[in-house]
Amino acid sequence: QVQLVESGGGLVQPGGSLRLSCAASGNIFSINDMGWYRQAPGKQRELVATITSGSKSTVYADSVKGRFTISRDNDNNMVYLQMNSLKPEDTAVYYCNADILLWYDSDFKDYWGQGTEVIVSS
């Protein structure tokens, strides 16, 4: 049906940068909001950033404002997360999320990727 595949995670030193990518594929007719969430060890999954279909509106968690930037490429069903000035507390598994309407569905549904791990450590 639908696959969301994240990439770009890894080990980075504090103050460094990473760019996460997420590709959506499958029987996709339309995609509404896309976003990134993260889950640190022992903690609940939390919102990092979301972006509307026309990229006119973005929402960021307070903890990442000014450091992270979300963007998307609608032609290729991609969403990105540019992460700068990374801190150890950004260490988590980062998940891609998208609100997708399939060709044979009547409603948009929520889909998740498998996650990509980001470790910020010296």
PDB file of N, CA and C in Angstrom:
ATOM      1  N   GLN A   1       0.822  -1.205   0.000  1.00  0.00           N
ATOM      2  CA  GLN A   1       0.000   0.000   0.000  1.00  0.00           C
ATOM      3  C   GLN A   1       0.853   1.250   0.000  1.00  0.00           C
ATOM      4  N   VAL A   2       1.346   1.611   1.193  1.00  0.00           N
ATOM      5  CA  VAL A   2       2.164   2.812   1.351  1.00  0.00           C
ATOM      6  C   VAL A   2       3.407   2.487   2.147  1.00  0.00           C
ATOM      7  N   GLN A   3       4.510   3.047   1.721  1.00  0.00           N
ATOM      8  CA  GLN A   3       5.759   2.940   2.485  1.00  0.00           C
ATOM      9  C   GLN A   3       6.311   4.335   2.741  1.00  0.00           C
ATOM     10  N   LEU A   4       6.706   4.567   3.986  1.00  0.00           N
ATOM     11  CA  LEU A   4       7.451   5.764   4.343  1.00  0.00           C
ATOM     12  C   LEU A   4       8.825   5.294   4.797  1.00  0.00           C
ATOM     13  N   VAL A   5       9.856   5.740   4.091  1.00  0.00           N
ATOM     14  CA  VAL A   5      11.205   5.272   4.393  1.00  0.00           C
ATOM     15  C   VAL A   5      12.073   6.469   4.753  1.00  0.00           C
ATOM     16  N   GLU A   6      12.570   6.440   5.993  1.00  0.00           N
ATOM     17  CA  GLU A   6      13.446   7.515   6.470  1.00  0.00           C
ATOM     18  C   GLU A   6      14.902   7.169   6.205  1.00  0.00           C
ATOM     19  N   SER A   7      15.723   8.194   6.084  1.00  0.00           N
ATOM     20  CA  SER A   7      17.164   8.019   5.956  1.00  0.00           C
ATOM     21  C   SER A   7      17.856   9.273   6.480  1.00  0.00           C
ATOM     22  N   GLY A   8      19.148   9.129   6.722  1.00  0.00           N
ATOM     23  CA  GLY A   8      19.940  10.290   7.121  1.00  0.00           C
ATOM     24  C   GLY A   8      20.340  10.340   8.579  1.00  0.00           C
ATOM     25  N   GLY A   9      19.857   9.390   9.371  1.00  0.00           N
ATOM     26  CA  GLY A   9      20.246   9.376  10.778  1.00  0.00           C
ATOM     27  C   GLY A   9      21.684   8.921  10.955  1.00  0.00           C
ATOM     28  N   GLY A  10      22.168   9.039  12.185  1.00  0.00           N
ATOM     29  CA  GLY A  10      23.524   8.611  12.464  1.00  0.00           C
ATOM     30  C   GLY A  10      24.068   9.236  13.726  1.00  0.00           C
ATOM     31  N   LEU A  11      25.358   9.102  13.900  1.00  0.00           N
ATOM     32  CA  LEU A  11      26.055   9.646  15.061  1.00  0.00           C
ATOM     33  C   LEU A  11      26.682  10.987  14.688  1.00  0.00           C
ATOM     34  N   VAL A  12      26.443  11.996  15.506  1.00  0.00           N
ATOM     35  CA  VAL A  12      26.984  13.323  15.242  1.00  0.00           C
ATOM     36  C   VAL A  12      27.405  13.957  16.557  1.00  0.00           C
ATOM     37  N   GLN A  13      28.406  14.788  16.500  1.00  0.00           N
ATOM     38  CA  GLN A  13      28.870  15.468  17.709  1.00  0.00           C
ATOM     39  C   GLN A  13      27.952  16.642  18.045  1.00  0.00           C
ATOM     40  N   PRO A  14      27.912  17.013  19.303  1.00  0.00           N
ATOM     41  CA  PRO A  14      27.132  18.203  19.678  1.00  0.00           C
ATOM     42  C   PRO A  14      27.559  19.414  18.863  1.00  0.00           C
ATOM     43  N   GLY A  15      26.561  20.169  18.410  1.00  0.00           N
ATOM     44  CA  GLY A  15      26.835  21.316  17.559  1.00  0.00           C
ATOM     45  C   GLY A  15      26.821  20.994  16.080  1.00  0.00           C
ATOM     46  N   GLY A  16      26.785  19.732  15.763  1.00  0.00           N
ATOM     47  CA  GLY A  16      26.799  19.311  14.375  1.00  0.00           C
ATOM     48  C   GLY A  16      25.431  19.356  13.718  1.00  0.00           C
ATOM     49  N   SER A  17      25.389  18.900  12.473  1.00  0.00           N
ATOM     50  CA  SER A  17      24.157  18.938  11.678  1.00  0.00           C
ATOM     51  C   SER A  17      23.889  17.589  11.023  1.00  0.00           C
ATOM     52  N   LEU A  18      22.617  17.332  10.804  1.00  0.00           N
ATOM     53  CA  LEU A  18      22.178  16.179  10.037  1.00  0.00           C
ATOM     54  C   LEU A  18      20.956  16.585   9.235  1.00  0.00           C
ATOM     55  N   ARG A  19      20.754  15.911   8.112  1.00  0.00           N
ATOM     56  CA  ARG A  19      19.545  16.136   7.317  1.00  0.00           C
ATOM     57  C   ARG A  19      18.834  14.805   7.147  1.00  0.00           C
ATOM     58  N   LEU A  20      17.623  14.733   7.677  1.00  0.00           N
ATOM     59  CA  LEU A  20      16.806  13.542   7.538  1.00  0.00           C
ATOM     60  C   LEU A  20      15.920  13.666   6.303  1.00  0.00           C
ATOM     61  N   SER A  21      15.711  12.538   5.636  1.00  0.00           N
ATOM     62  CA  SER A  21      14.829  12.489   4.480  1.00  0.00           C
ATOM     63  C   SER A  21      13.798  11.393   4.685  1.00  0.00           C
ATOM     64  N   CYS A  22      12.637  11.600   4.101  1.00  0.00           N
ATOM     65  CA  CYS A  22      11.589  10.582   4.157  1.00  0.00           C
ATOM     66  C   CYS A  22      10.914  10.533   2.796  1.00  0.00           C
ATOM     67  N   ALA A  23      10.865   9.333   2.230  1.00  0.00           N
ATOM     68  CA  ALA A  23      10.230   9.137   0.932  1.00  0.00           C
ATOM     69  C   ALA A  23       8.962   8.329   1.099  1.00  0.00           C
ATOM     70  N   ALA A  24       7.875   8.857   0.572  1.00  0.00           N
ATOM     71  CA  ALA A  24       6.598   8.156   0.589  1.00  0.00           C
ATOM     72  C   ALA A  24       6.364   7.546  -0.784  1.00  0.00           C
ATOM     73  N   SER A  25       5.962   6.273  -0.787  1.00  0.00           N
ATOM     74  CA  SER A  25       5.712   5.596  -2.057  1.00  0.00           C
ATOM     75  C   SER A  25       4.518   4.657  -1.913  1.00  0.00           C
ATOM     76  N   GLY A  26       3.953   4.286  -3.058  1.00  0.00           N
ATOM     77  CA  GLY A  26       2.804   3.401  -3.047  1.00  0.00           C
ATOM     78  C   GLY A  26       1.671   3.974  -3.857  1.00  0.00           C
ATOM     79  N   ASN A  27       0.464   3.522  -3.554  1.00  0.00           N
ATOM     80  CA  ASN A  27      -0.708   3.947  -4.304  1.00  0.00           C
ATOM     81  C   ASN A  27      -1.244   5.282  -3.782  1.00  0.00           C
ATOM     82  N   ILE A  28      -0.406   6.298  -3.886  1.00  0.00           N
ATOM     83  CA  ILE A  28      -0.710   7.596  -3.294  1.00  0.00           C
ATOM     84  C   ILE A  28      -1.451   8.493  -4.281  1.00  0.00           C
ATOM     85  N   PHE A  29      -2.598   9.011  -3.819  1.00  0.00           N
ATOM     86  CA  PHE A  29      -3.328   9.983  -4.627  1.00  0.00           C
ATOM     87  C   PHE A  29      -2.988  11.409  -4.189  1.00  0.00           C
ATOM     88  N   SER A  30      -2.929  11.583  -2.872  1.00  0.00           N
ATOM     89  CA  SER A  30      -2.652  12.916  -2.345  1.00  0.00           C
ATOM     90  C   SER A  30      -2.078  12.812  -0.937  1.00  0.00           C
ATOM     91  N   ILE A  31      -1.260  13.785  -0.571  1.00  0.00           N
ATOM     92  CA  ILE A  31      -0.696  13.843   0.776  1.00  0.00           C
ATOM     93  C   ILE A  31      -1.014  15.197   1.397  1.00  0.00           C
ATOM     94  N   ASN A  32      -1.586  15.180   2.576  1.00  0.00           N
ATOM     95  CA  ASN A  32      -1.829  16.418   3.320  1.00  0.00           C
ATOM     96  C   ASN A  32      -0.596  16.752   4.155  1.00  0.00           C
ATOM     97  N   ASP A  33      -0.792  16.920   5.431  1.00  0.00           N
ATOM     98  CA  ASP A  33       0.325  17.259   6.302  1.00  0.00           C
ATOM     99  C   ASP A  33       1.363  16.147   6.342  1.00  0.00           C
ATOM    100  N   MET A  34       2.612  16.547   6.453  1.00  0.00           N
ATOM    101  CA  MET A  34       3.705  15.614   6.707  1.00  0.00           C
ATOM    102  C   MET A  34       4.464  16.130   7.922  1.00  0.00           C
ATOM    103  N   GLY A  35       5.158  15.217   8.586  1.00  0.00           N
ATOM    104  CA  GLY A  35       5.858  15.682   9.782  1.00  0.00           C
ATOM    105  C   GLY A  35       6.899  14.711  10.288  1.00  0.00           C
ATOM    106  N   TRP A  36       7.590  15.183  11.304  1.00  0.00           N
ATOM    107  CA  TRP A  36       8.601  14.382  11.983  1.00  0.00           C
ATOM    108  C   TRP A  36       8.272  14.334  13.467  1.00  0.00           C
ATOM    109  N   TYR A  37       8.408  13.157  14.025  1.00  0.00           N
ATOM    110  CA  TYR A  37       8.253  12.935  15.450  1.00  0.00           C
ATOM    111  C   TYR A  37       9.508  12.217  15.928  1.00  0.00           C
ATOM    112  N   ARG A  38       9.707  12.224  17.230  1.00  0.00           N
ATOM    113  CA  ARG A  38      10.863  11.511  17.772  1.00  0.00           C
ATOM    114  C   ARG A  38      10.515  10.861  19.096  1.00  0.00           C
ATOM    115  N   GLN A  39      11.255   9.808  19.384  1.00  0.00           N
ATOM    116  CA  GLN A  39      11.069   9.100  20.651  1.00  0.00           C
ATOM    117  C   GLN A  39      12.427   8.779  21.236  1.00  0.00           C
ATOM    118  N   ALA A  40      12.703   9.391  22.365  1.00  0.00           N
ATOM    119  CA  ALA A  40      13.946   9.131  23.077  1.00  0.00           C
ATOM    120  C   ALA A  40      13.764   7.921  23.990  1.00  0.00           C
ATOM    121  N   PRO A  41      14.851   7.271  24.355  1.00  0.00           N
ATOM    122  CA  PRO A  41      14.739   6.094  25.233  1.00  0.00           C
ATOM    123  C   PRO A  41      13.987   6.420  26.518  1.00  0.00           C
ATOM    124  N   GLY A  42      12.985   5.614  26.818  1.00  0.00           N
ATOM    125  CA  GLY A  42      12.224   5.804  28.042  1.00  0.00           C
ATOM    126  C   GLY A  42      11.218   6.929  28.021  1.00  0.00           C
ATOM    127  N   LYS A  43      11.043   7.538  26.861  1.00  0.00           N
ATOM    128  CA  LYS A  43      10.112   8.663  26.764  1.00  0.00           C
ATOM    129  C   LYS A  43       9.042   8.396  25.715  1.00  0.00           C
ATOM    130  N   GLN A  44       7.995   9.202  25.768  1.00  0.00           N
ATOM    131  CA  GLN A  44       6.930   9.070  24.784  1.00  0.00           C
ATOM    132  C   GLN A  44       7.330   9.747  23.466  1.00  0.00           C
ATOM    133  N   ARG A  45       6.699   9.298  22.398  1.00  0.00           N
ATOM    134  CA  ARG A  45       6.926   9.923  21.108  1.00  0.00           C
ATOM    135  C   ARG A  45       6.398  11.355  21.152  1.00  0.00           C
ATOM    136  N   GLU A  46       7.164  12.282  20.582  1.00  0.00           N
ATOM    137  CA  GLU A  46       6.768  13.680  20.614  1.00  0.00           C
ATOM    138  C   GLU A  46       6.900  14.312  19.238  1.00  0.00           C
ATOM    139  N   LEU A  47       6.102  15.348  19.031  1.00  0.00           N
ATOM    140  CA  LEU A  47       6.148  16.090  17.787  1.00  0.00           C
ATOM    141  C   LEU A  47       7.455  16.863  17.690  1.00  0.00           C
ATOM    142  N   VAL A  48       8.062  16.827  16.512  1.00  0.00           N
ATOM    143  CA  VAL A  48       9.229  17.661  16.244  1.00  0.00           C
ATOM    144  C   VAL A  48       8.824  18.820  15.333  1.00  0.00           C
ATOM    145  N   ALA A  49       8.220  18.473  14.189  1.00  0.00           N
ATOM    146  CA  ALA A  49       7.819  19.508  13.236  1.00  0.00           C
ATOM    147  C   ALA A  49       6.810  18.942  12.258  1.00  0.00           C
ATOM    148  N   THR A  50       5.908  19.806  11.796  1.00  0.00           N
ATOM    149  CA  THR A  50       4.973  19.420  10.748  1.00  0.00           C
ATOM    150  C   THR A  50       4.927  20.501   9.683  1.00  0.00           C
ATOM    151  N   ILE A  51       4.449  20.109   8.492  1.00  0.00           N
ATOM    152  CA  ILE A  51       4.356  21.051   7.378  1.00  0.00           C
ATOM    153  C   ILE A  51       3.117  20.716   6.569  1.00  0.00           C
ATOM    154  N   THR A  52       2.390  21.745   6.151  1.00  0.00           N
ATOM    155  CA  THR A  52       1.179  21.522   5.377  1.00  0.00           C
ATOM    156  C   THR A  52       1.521  21.193   3.925  1.00  0.00           C
ATOM    157  N   SER A  53       0.501  20.769   3.184  1.00  0.00           N
ATOM    158  CA  SER A  53       0.735  20.279   1.824  1.00  0.00           C
ATOM    159  C   SER A  53       1.327  21.350   0.914  1.00  0.00           C
ATOM    160  N   GLY A  54       0.940  22.598   1.095  1.00  0.00           N
ATOM    161  CA  GLY A  54       1.463  23.668   0.257  1.00  0.00           C
ATOM    162  C   GLY A  54       2.680  24.350   0.841  1.00  0.00           C
ATOM    163  N   SER A  55       3.175  23.774   1.941  1.00  0.00           N
ATOM    164  CA  SER A  55       4.350  24.314   2.635  1.00  0.00           C
ATOM    165  C   SER A  55       4.122  25.724   3.164  1.00  0.00           C
ATOM    166  N   LYS A  56       2.856  26.121   3.297  1.00  0.00           N
ATOM    167  CA  LYS A  56       2.580  27.477   3.769  1.00  0.00           C
ATOM    168  C   LYS A  56       2.624  27.594   5.276  1.00  0.00           C
ATOM    169  N   SER A  57       2.498  26.475   5.951  1.00  0.00           N
ATOM    170  CA  SER A  57       2.463  26.517   7.408  1.00  0.00           C
ATOM    171  C   SER A  57       3.327  25.418   7.989  1.00  0.00           C
ATOM    172  N   THR A  58       4.115  25.790   8.964  1.00  0.00           N
ATOM    173  CA  THR A  58       4.934  24.817   9.689  1.00  0.00           C
ATOM    174  C   THR A  58       4.720  25.001  11.177  1.00  0.00           C
ATOM    175  N   VAL A  59       4.914  23.909  11.897  1.00  0.00           N
ATOM    176  CA  VAL A  59       4.829  23.923  13.357  1.00  0.00           C
ATOM    177  C   VAL A  59       6.067  23.233  13.887  1.00  0.00           C
ATOM    178  N   TYR A  60       6.658  23.816  14.910  1.00  0.00           N
ATOM    179  CA  TYR A  60       7.852  23.240  15.518  1.00  0.00           C
ATOM    180  C   TYR A  60       7.665  23.091  17.022  1.00  0.00           C
ATOM    181  N   ALA A  61       8.265  22.051  17.567  1.00  0.00           N
ATOM    182  CA  ALA A  61       8.352  21.944  19.015  1.00  0.00           C
ATOM    183  C   ALA A  61       9.236  23.083  19.526  1.00  0.00           C
ATOM    184  N   ASP A  62       8.918  23.597  20.678  1.00  0.00           N
ATOM    185  CA  ASP A  62       9.715  24.701  21.236  1.00  0.00           C
ATOM    186  C   ASP A  62      11.186  24.331  21.357  1.00  0.00           C
ATOM    187  N   SER A  63      11.446  23.076  21.644  1.00  0.00           N
ATOM    188  CA  SER A  63      12.818  22.634  21.881  1.00  0.00           C
ATOM    189  C   SER A  63      13.691  22.653  20.629  1.00  0.00           C
ATOM    190  N   VAL A  64      13.070  22.732  19.441  1.00  0.00           N
ATOM    191  CA  VAL A  64      13.869  22.699  18.205  1.00  0.00           C
ATOM    192  C   VAL A  64      13.748  23.983  17.388  1.00  0.00           C
ATOM    193  N   LYS A  65      12.906  24.908  17.821  1.00  0.00           N
ATOM    194  CA  LYS A  65      12.727  26.159  17.081  1.00  0.00           C
ATOM    195  C   LYS A  65      14.051  26.886  16.923  1.00  0.00           C
ATOM    196  N   GLY A  66      14.286  27.343  15.692  1.00  0.00           N
ATOM    197  CA  GLY A  66      15.531  28.068  15.418  1.00  0.00           C
ATOM    198  C   GLY A  66      16.691  27.163  15.068  1.00  0.00           C
ATOM    199  N   ARG A  67      16.540  25.871  15.286  1.00  0.00           N
ATOM    200  CA  ARG A  67      17.626  24.924  14.981  1.00  0.00           C
ATOM    201  C   ARG A  67      17.248  23.940  13.877  1.00  0.00           C
ATOM    202  N   PHE A  68      15.985  23.550  13.838  1.00  0.00           N
ATOM    203  CA  PHE A  68      15.518  22.574  12.854  1.00  0.00           C
ATOM    204  C   PHE A  68      14.639  23.266  11.816  1.00  0.00           C
ATOM    205  N   THR A  69      14.694  22.759  10.580  1.00  0.00           N
ATOM    206  CA  THR A  69      13.843  23.270   9.515  1.00  0.00           C
ATOM    207  C   THR A  69      13.229  22.109   8.753  1.00  0.00           C
ATOM    208  N   ILE A  70      11.905  22.126   8.642  1.00  0.00           N
ATOM    209  CA  ILE A  70      11.200  21.101   7.882  1.00  0.00           C
ATOM    210  C   ILE A  70      10.866  21.653   6.503  1.00  0.00           C
ATOM    211  N   SER A  71      10.966  20.790   5.499  1.00  0.00           N
ATOM    212  CA  SER A  71      10.605  21.172   4.141  1.00  0.00           C
ATOM    213  C   SER A  71      10.074  19.938   3.420  1.00  0.00           C
ATOM    214  N   ARG A  72       9.469  20.172   2.239  1.00  0.00           N
ATOM    215  CA  ARG A  72       8.944  19.031   1.499  1.00  0.00           C
ATOM    216  C   ARG A  72       9.049  19.258  -0.001  1.00  0.00           C
ATOM    217  N   ASP A  73       9.032  18.166  -0.725  1.00  0.00           N
ATOM    218  CA  ASP A  73       9.050  18.153  -2.186  1.00  0.00           C
ATOM    219  C   ASP A  73       7.826  17.360  -2.623  1.00  0.00           C
ATOM    220  N   ASN A  74       6.787  18.061  -3.000  1.00  0.00           N
ATOM    221  CA  ASN A  74       5.527  17.376  -3.327  1.00  0.00           C
ATOM    222  C   ASN A  74       5.624  16.571  -4.616  1.00  0.00           C
ATOM    223  N   ASP A  75       6.475  16.991  -5.525  1.00  0.00           N
ATOM    224  CA  ASP A  75       6.594  16.249  -6.793  1.00  0.00           C
ATOM    225  C   ASP A  75       7.131  14.836  -6.564  1.00  0.00           C
ATOM    226  N   ASN A  76       7.940  14.695  -5.527  1.00  0.00           N
ATOM    227  CA  ASN A  76       8.557  13.404  -5.254  1.00  0.00           C
ATOM    228  C   ASN A  76       8.093  12.775  -3.941  1.00  0.00           C
ATOM    229  N   ASN A  77       7.065  13.362  -3.345  1.00  0.00           N
ATOM    230  CA  ASN A  77       6.504  12.827  -2.088  1.00  0.00           C
ATOM    231  C   ASN A  77       7.580  12.675  -1.022  1.00  0.00           C
ATOM    232  N   MET A  78       8.363  13.722  -0.844  1.00  0.00           N
ATOM    233  CA  MET A  78       9.453  13.700   0.123  1.00  0.00           C
ATOM    234  C   MET A  78       9.232  14.765   1.203  1.00  0.00           C
ATOM    235  N   VAL A  79       9.726  14.474   2.383  1.00  0.00           N
ATOM    236  CA  VAL A  79       9.793  15.473   3.447  1.00  0.00           C
ATOM    237  C   VAL A  79      11.179  15.390   4.067  1.00  0.00           C
ATOM    238  N   TYR A  80      11.690  16.552   4.466  1.00  0.00           N
ATOM    239  CA  TYR A  80      13.044  16.638   4.987  1.00  0.00           C
ATOM    240  C   TYR A  80      13.044  17.321   6.349  1.00  0.00           C
ATOM    241  N   LEU A  81      14.079  17.039   7.119  1.00  0.00           N
ATOM    242  CA  LEU A  81      14.281  17.741   8.381  1.00  0.00           C
ATOM    243  C   LEU A  81      15.759  18.097   8.471  1.00  0.00           C
ATOM    244  N   GLN A  82      16.057  19.366   8.319  1.00  0.00           N
ATOM    245  CA  GLN A  82      17.424  19.853   8.495  1.00  0.00           C
ATOM    246  C   GLN A  82      17.619  20.173   9.974  1.00  0.00           C
ATOM    247  N   MET A  83      18.594  19.525  10.584  1.00  0.00           N
ATOM    248  CA  MET A  83      18.826  19.671  12.012  1.00  0.00           C
ATOM    249  C   MET A  83      20.210  20.269  12.220  1.00  0.00           C
ATOM    250  N   ASN A  84      20.241  21.454  12.776  1.00  0.00           N
ATOM    251  CA  ASN A  84      21.499  22.148  13.056  1.00  0.00           C
ATOM    252  C   ASN A  84      21.672  22.330  14.557  1.00  0.00           C
ATOM    253  N   SER A  85      22.885  22.649  14.946  1.00  0.00           N
ATOM    254  CA  SER A  85      23.198  22.892  16.363  1.00  0.00           C
ATOM    255  C   SER A  85      22.651  21.782  17.245  1.00  0.00           C
ATOM    256  N   LEU A  86      22.918  20.570  16.854  1.00  0.00           N
ATOM    257  CA  LEU A  86      22.359  19.423  17.565  1.00  0.00           C
ATOM    258  C   LEU A  86      22.892  19.332  18.988  1.00  0.00           C
ATOM    259  N   LYS A  87      22.008  18.882  19.872  1.00  0.00           N
ATOM    260  CA  LYS A  87      22.334  18.738  21.283  1.00  0.00           C
ATOM    261  C   LYS A  87      22.160  17.282  21.696  1.00  0.00           C
ATOM    262  N   PRO A  88      22.828  16.858  22.757  1.00  0.00           N
ATOM    263  CA  PRO A  88      22.646  15.478  23.217  1.00  0.00           C
ATOM    264  C   PRO A  88      21.172  15.129  23.473  1.00  0.00           C
ATOM    265  N   GLU A  89      20.384  16.092  23.906  1.00  0.00           N
ATOM    266  CA  GLU A  89      18.976  15.821  24.177  1.00  0.00           C
ATOM    267  C   GLU A  89      18.150  15.629  22.908  1.00  0.00           C
ATOM    268  N   ASP A  90      18.752  15.840  21.737  1.00  0.00           N
ATOM    269  CA  ASP A  90      18.079  15.526  20.476  1.00  0.00           C
ATOM    270  C   ASP A  90      18.209  14.050  20.115  1.00  0.00           C
ATOM    271  N   THR A  91      18.985  13.316  20.872  1.00  0.00           N
ATOM    272  CA  THR A  91      19.149  11.888  20.626  1.00  0.00           C
ATOM    273  C   THR A  91      17.813  11.173  20.741  1.00  0.00           C
ATOM    274  N   ALA A  92      17.451  10.457  19.671  1.00  0.00           N
ATOM    275  CA  ALA A  92      16.151   9.781  19.622  1.00  0.00           C
ATOM    276  C   ALA A  92      16.035   9.028  18.301  1.00  0.00           C
ATOM    277  N   VAL A  93      14.999   8.234  18.215  1.00  0.00           N
ATOM    278  CA  VAL A  93      14.599   7.678  16.924  1.00  0.00           C
ATOM    279  C   VAL A  93      13.599   8.655  16.316  1.00  0.00           C
ATOM    280  N   TYR A  94      13.861   9.055  15.098  1.00  0.00           N
ATOM    281  CA  TYR A  94      13.026  10.039  14.411  1.00  0.00           C
ATOM    282  C   TYR A  94      12.122   9.325  13.406  1.00  0.00           C
ATOM    283  N   TYR A  95      10.840   9.629  13.498  1.00  0.00           N
ATOM    284  CA  TYR A  95       9.837   8.981  12.664  1.00  0.00           C
ATOM    285  C   TYR A  95       9.184   9.975  11.712  1.00  0.00           C
ATOM    286  N   CYS A  96       9.001   9.543  10.492  1.00  0.00           N
ATOM    287  CA  CYS A  96       8.272  10.320   9.488  1.00  0.00           C
ATOM    288  C   CYS A  96       6.785   9.976   9.603  1.00  0.00           C
ATOM    289  N   ASN A  97       5.959  10.980   9.423  1.00  0.00           N
ATOM    290  CA  ASN A  97       4.516  10.794   9.484  1.00  0.00           C
ATOM    291  C   ASN A  97       3.864  11.533   8.322  1.00  0.00           C
ATOM    292  N   ALA A  98       2.830  10.933   7.751  1.00  0.00           N
ATOM    293  CA  ALA A  98       2.139  11.598   6.647  1.00  0.00           C
ATOM    294  C   ALA A  98       0.666  11.233   6.642  1.00  0.00           C
ATOM    295  N   ASP A  99      -0.144  12.197   6.252  1.00  0.00           N
ATOM    296  CA  ASP A  99      -1.593  12.036   6.127  1.00  0.00           C
ATOM    297  C   ASP A  99      -1.883  11.814   4.645  1.00  0.00           C
ATOM    298  N   ILE A 100      -2.219  10.560   4.289  1.00  0.00           N
ATOM    299  CA  ILE A 100      -2.225  10.166   2.887  1.00  0.00           C
ATOM    300  C   ILE A 100      -3.581   9.632   2.449  1.00  0.00           C
ATOM    301  N   LEU A 101      -3.961  10.021   1.241  1.00  0.00           N
ATOM    302  CA  LEU A 101      -5.144   9.471   0.594  1.00  0.00           C
ATOM    303  C   LEU A 101      -4.676   8.545  -0.527  1.00  0.00           C
ATOM    304  N   LEU A 102      -5.054   7.288  -0.432  1.00  0.00           N
ATOM    305  CA  LEU A 102      -4.715   6.332  -1.478  1.00  0.00           C
ATOM    306  C   LEU A 102      -5.739   6.403  -2.607  1.00  0.00           C
ATOM    307  N   TRP A 103      -5.364   5.876  -3.778  1.00  0.00           N
ATOM    308  CA  TRP A 103      -6.237   5.939  -4.938  1.00  0.00           C
ATOM    309  C   TRP A 103      -7.576   5.281  -4.671  1.00  0.00           C
ATOM    310  N   TYR A 104      -7.572   4.201  -3.872  1.00  0.00           N
ATOM    311  CA  TYR A 104      -8.787   3.422  -3.687  1.00  0.00           C
ATOM    312  C   TYR A 104      -9.456   3.679  -2.338  1.00  0.00           C
ATOM    313  N   ASP A 105      -8.965   4.675  -1.610  1.00  0.00           N
ATOM    314  CA  ASP A 105      -9.572   5.022  -0.330  1.00  0.00           C
ATOM    315  C   ASP A 105     -10.471   6.247  -0.465  1.00  0.00           C
ATOM    316  N   SER A 106     -11.330   6.442   0.526  1.00  0.00           N
ATOM    317  CA  SER A 106     -12.207   7.603   0.512  1.00  0.00           C
ATOM    318  C   SER A 106     -11.791   8.655   1.526  1.00  0.00           C
ATOM    319  N   ASP A 107     -10.878   8.289   2.425  1.00  0.00           N
ATOM    320  CA  ASP A 107     -10.431   9.220   3.463  1.00  0.00           C
ATOM    321  C   ASP A 107      -8.915   9.201   3.595  1.00  0.00           C
ATOM    322  N   PHE A 108      -8.369  10.324   4.043  1.00  0.00           N
ATOM    323  CA  PHE A 108      -6.957  10.374   4.374  1.00  0.00           C
ATOM    324  C   PHE A 108      -6.710   9.533   5.631  1.00  0.00           C
ATOM    325  N   LYS A 109      -5.562   8.878   5.676  1.00  0.00           N
ATOM    326  CA  LYS A 109      -5.167   8.079   6.837  1.00  0.00           C
ATOM    327  C   LYS A 109      -3.732   8.410   7.223  1.00  0.00           C
ATOM    328  N   ASP A 110      -3.439   8.128   8.475  1.00  0.00           N
ATOM    329  CA  ASP A 110      -2.119   8.419   9.038  1.00  0.00           C
ATOM    330  C   ASP A 110      -1.161   7.258   8.792  1.00  0.00           C
ATOM    331  N   TYR A 111       0.019   7.558   8.287  1.00  0.00           N
ATOM    332  CA  TYR A 111       1.023   6.522   8.043  1.00  0.00           C
ATOM    333  C   TYR A 111       2.337   6.926   8.699  1.00  0.00           C
ATOM    334  N   TRP A 112       3.098   5.903   9.116  1.00  0.00           N
ATOM    335  CA  TRP A 112       4.359   6.112   9.821  1.00  0.00           C
ATOM    336  C   TRP A 112       5.485   5.327   9.165  1.00  0.00           C
ATOM    337  N   GLY A 113       6.676   5.906   9.225  1.00  0.00           N
ATOM    338  CA  GLY A 113       7.854   5.180   8.815  1.00  0.00           C
ATOM    339  C   GLY A 113       8.390   4.334   9.954  1.00  0.00           C
ATOM    340  N   GLN A 114       9.465   3.602   9.679  1.00  0.00           N
ATOM    341  CA  GLN A 114      10.056   2.714  10.672  1.00  0.00           C
ATOM    342  C   GLN A 114      11.020   3.437  11.606  1.00  0.00           C
ATOM    343  N   GLY A 115      11.430   4.618  11.231  1.00  0.00           N
ATOM    344  CA  GLY A 115      12.297   5.407  12.098  1.00  0.00           C
ATOM    345  C   GLY A 115      13.757   5.343  11.692  1.00  0.00           C
ATOM    346  N   THR A 116      14.459   6.423  12.009  1.00  0.00           N
ATOM    347  CA  THR A 116      15.909   6.475  11.812  1.00  0.00           C
ATOM    348  C   THR A 116      16.521   7.060  13.084  1.00  0.00           C
ATOM    349  N   GLU A 117      17.585   6.452  13.538  1.00  0.00           N
ATOM    350  CA  GLU A 117      18.160   6.824  14.824  1.00  0.00           C
ATOM    351  C   GLU A 117      19.160   7.968  14.677  1.00  0.00           C
ATOM    352  N   VAL A 118      19.023   8.919  15.568  1.00  0.00           N
ATOM    353  CA  VAL A 118      19.963  10.036  15.655  1.00  0.00           C
ATOM    354  C   VAL A 118      20.607  10.004  17.037  1.00  0.00           C
ATOM    355  N   ILE A 119      21.917   9.969  17.050  1.00  0.00           N
ATOM    356  CA  ILE A 119      22.665   9.981  18.313  1.00  0.00           C
ATOM    357  C   ILE A 119      23.591  11.180  18.313  1.00  0.00           C
ATOM    358  N   VAL A 120      23.414  12.029  19.300  1.00  0.00           N
ATOM    359  CA  VAL A 120      24.254  13.219  19.427  1.00  0.00           C
ATOM    360  C   VAL A 120      25.154  13.022  20.642  1.00  0.00           C
ATOM    361  N   SER A 121      26.418  12.805  20.361  1.00  0.00           N
ATOM    362  CA  SER A 121      27.347  12.481  21.442  1.00  0.00           C
ATOM    363  C   SER A 121      28.767  12.812  21.015  1.00  0.00           C
ATOM    364  N   SER A 122      29.562  13.192  21.990  1.00  0.00           N
ATOM    365  CA  SER A 122      30.982  13.443  21.723  1.00  0.00           C
ATOM    366  C   SER A 122      31.802  12.186  22.015  1.00  0.00           C
TER     367      SER A 122
END
